[in-house]
Structure formats: structure tokens, C-alpha cells
Amino acid sequence: MISAVLAGYAWDQSNPFVADAARRLDTLWALCAGASKQASAG
């Protein structure tokens, strides 16, 4: 789904990352931030 948006399908409303972009991107950011914190702590 993310790769489809990056490939240019940013207006495809059937893609959940497009249909609810703000919530999905916030969740993705939180996951990446958590992974970054774990990597730097280990």
C-alpha cells in the first residue's frame, strides 16, 4: 500500500493509506520512531 502511493497512486481512494492518510501516516511515524528508539538503546 505504501509503495503504491510512492509509485504515484496518491489519488486511489481504495488504498487505505490514501483514504485515511493522516491517521495512517501518524501510525507509521509512531512505529518508525519506536523502532528508532529501540535500535539506539540496543
N, C-alpha and C. Protein backbone atom coordinates (compact mmCIF):
# COMPACT_ATOMS: atom_id res chain seq x y z
N MET A 1 0.82 -1.20 0.00
CA MET A 1 0.00 0.00 0.00
C MET A 1 0.86 1.26 0.00
N ILE A 2 1.89 1.26 0.82
CA ILE A 2 2.77 2.43 0.88
C ILE A 2 3.51 2.59 -0.44
N SER A 3 4.00 1.47 -0.97
CA SER A 3 4.75 1.55 -2.23
C SER A 3 3.87 2.02 -3.38
N ALA A 4 2.58 1.70 -3.34
CA ALA A 4 1.67 2.18 -4.37
C ALA A 4 1.54 3.70 -4.34
N VAL A 5 1.48 4.27 -3.14
CA VAL A 5 1.41 5.72 -3.01
C VAL A 5 2.71 6.33 -3.52
N LEU A 6 3.84 5.74 -3.13
CA LEU A 6 5.13 6.26 -3.57
C LEU A 6 5.31 6.14 -5.08
N ALA A 7 4.66 5.14 -5.68
CA ALA A 7 4.75 4.95 -7.12
C ALA A 7 3.86 5.92 -7.90
N GLY A 8 3.04 6.68 -7.21
CA GLY A 8 2.24 7.68 -7.89
C GLY A 8 0.74 7.51 -7.80
N TYR A 9 0.29 6.49 -7.11
CA TYR A 9 -1.15 6.26 -7.00
C TYR A 9 -1.72 6.99 -5.79
N ALA A 10 -1.40 8.24 -5.66
CA ALA A 10 -1.79 9.02 -4.48
C ALA A 10 -3.27 9.38 -4.46
N TRP A 11 -3.98 9.18 -5.55
CA TRP A 11 -5.40 9.55 -5.58
C TRP A 11 -6.30 8.33 -5.58
N ASP A 12 -5.74 7.13 -5.39
CA ASP A 12 -6.50 5.89 -5.39
C ASP A 12 -7.19 5.72 -4.04
N GLN A 13 -8.46 6.08 -3.95
CA GLN A 13 -9.20 6.06 -2.68
C GLN A 13 -9.44 4.65 -2.15
N SER A 14 -9.18 3.61 -2.95
CA SER A 14 -9.33 2.25 -2.44
C SER A 14 -8.11 1.83 -1.61
N ASN A 15 -7.04 2.60 -1.67
CA ASN A 15 -5.85 2.35 -0.87
C ASN A 15 -6.06 2.97 0.51
N PRO A 16 -5.98 2.18 1.58
CA PRO A 16 -6.22 2.72 2.92
C PRO A 16 -5.28 3.87 3.31
N PHE A 17 -4.06 3.88 2.79
CA PHE A 17 -3.14 4.97 3.11
C PHE A 17 -3.56 6.27 2.46
N VAL A 18 -4.33 6.19 1.38
CA VAL A 18 -4.84 7.39 0.72
C VAL A 18 -6.15 7.82 1.35
N ALA A 19 -7.03 6.86 1.62
CA ALA A 19 -8.36 7.17 2.14
C ALA A 19 -8.31 7.82 3.52
N ASP A 20 -7.37 7.41 4.36
CA ASP A 20 -7.26 7.96 5.72
C ASP A 20 -5.79 8.28 6.00
N ALA A 21 -5.25 9.14 5.17
CA ALA A 21 -3.80 9.39 5.16
C ALA A 21 -3.28 9.92 6.49
N ALA A 22 -3.95 10.87 7.10
CA ALA A 22 -3.44 11.47 8.34
C ALA A 22 -3.27 10.43 9.43
N ARG A 23 -4.26 9.62 9.65
CA ARG A 23 -4.20 8.61 10.71
C ARG A 23 -3.16 7.54 10.38
N ARG A 24 -3.14 7.09 9.14
CA ARG A 24 -2.19 6.04 8.74
C ARG A 24 -0.75 6.53 8.83
N LEU A 25 -0.50 7.75 8.39
CA LEU A 25 0.86 8.28 8.45
C LEU A 25 1.31 8.55 9.87
N ASP A 26 0.39 8.98 10.73
CA ASP A 26 0.72 9.16 12.15
C ASP A 26 1.12 7.83 12.77
N THR A 27 0.38 6.77 12.44
CA THR A 27 0.69 5.44 12.95
C THR A 27 2.04 4.96 12.42
N LEU A 28 2.28 5.16 11.14
CA LEU A 28 3.55 4.77 10.54
C LEU A 28 4.71 5.53 11.19
N TRP A 29 4.54 6.82 11.42
CA TRP A 29 5.57 7.62 12.07
C TRP A 29 5.85 7.09 13.48
N ALA A 30 4.80 6.78 14.22
CA ALA A 30 4.98 6.27 15.58
C ALA A 30 5.73 4.95 15.58
N LEU A 31 5.40 4.07 14.64
CA LEU A 31 6.11 2.80 14.55
C LEU A 31 7.58 3.00 14.22
N CYS A 32 7.87 3.89 13.29
CA CYS A 32 9.26 4.17 12.92
C CYS A 32 10.01 4.82 14.07
N ALA A 33 9.38 5.72 14.78
CA ALA A 33 10.02 6.38 15.92
C ALA A 33 10.32 5.37 17.02
N GLY A 34 9.41 4.45 17.26
CA GLY A 34 9.63 3.42 18.26
C GLY A 34 10.76 2.48 17.87
N ALA A 35 10.84 2.12 16.60
CA ALA A 35 11.91 1.25 16.12
C ALA A 35 13.25 1.96 16.22
N SER A 36 13.26 3.26 15.96
CA SER A 36 14.49 4.04 16.04
C SER A 36 14.98 4.10 17.48
N LYS A 37 14.08 4.28 18.42
CA LYS A 37 14.45 4.34 19.84
C LYS A 37 15.00 3.00 20.31
N GLN A 38 14.39 1.91 19.85
CA GLN A 38 14.85 0.57 20.24
C GLN A 38 16.24 0.30 19.66
N ALA A 39 16.48 0.71 18.44
CA ALA A 39 17.77 0.48 17.79
C ALA A 39 18.88 1.25 18.49
N SER A 40 18.58 2.47 18.91
CA SER A 40 19.61 3.28 19.55
C SER A 40 19.86 2.85 21.00
N ALA A 41 18.88 2.19 21.62
CA ALA A 41 19.04 1.73 23.00
C ALA A 41 19.81 0.41 23.07
N GLY A 42 19.82 -0.33 21.96
CA GLY A 42 20.41 -1.67 21.99
C GLY A 42 21.79 -1.67 21.57
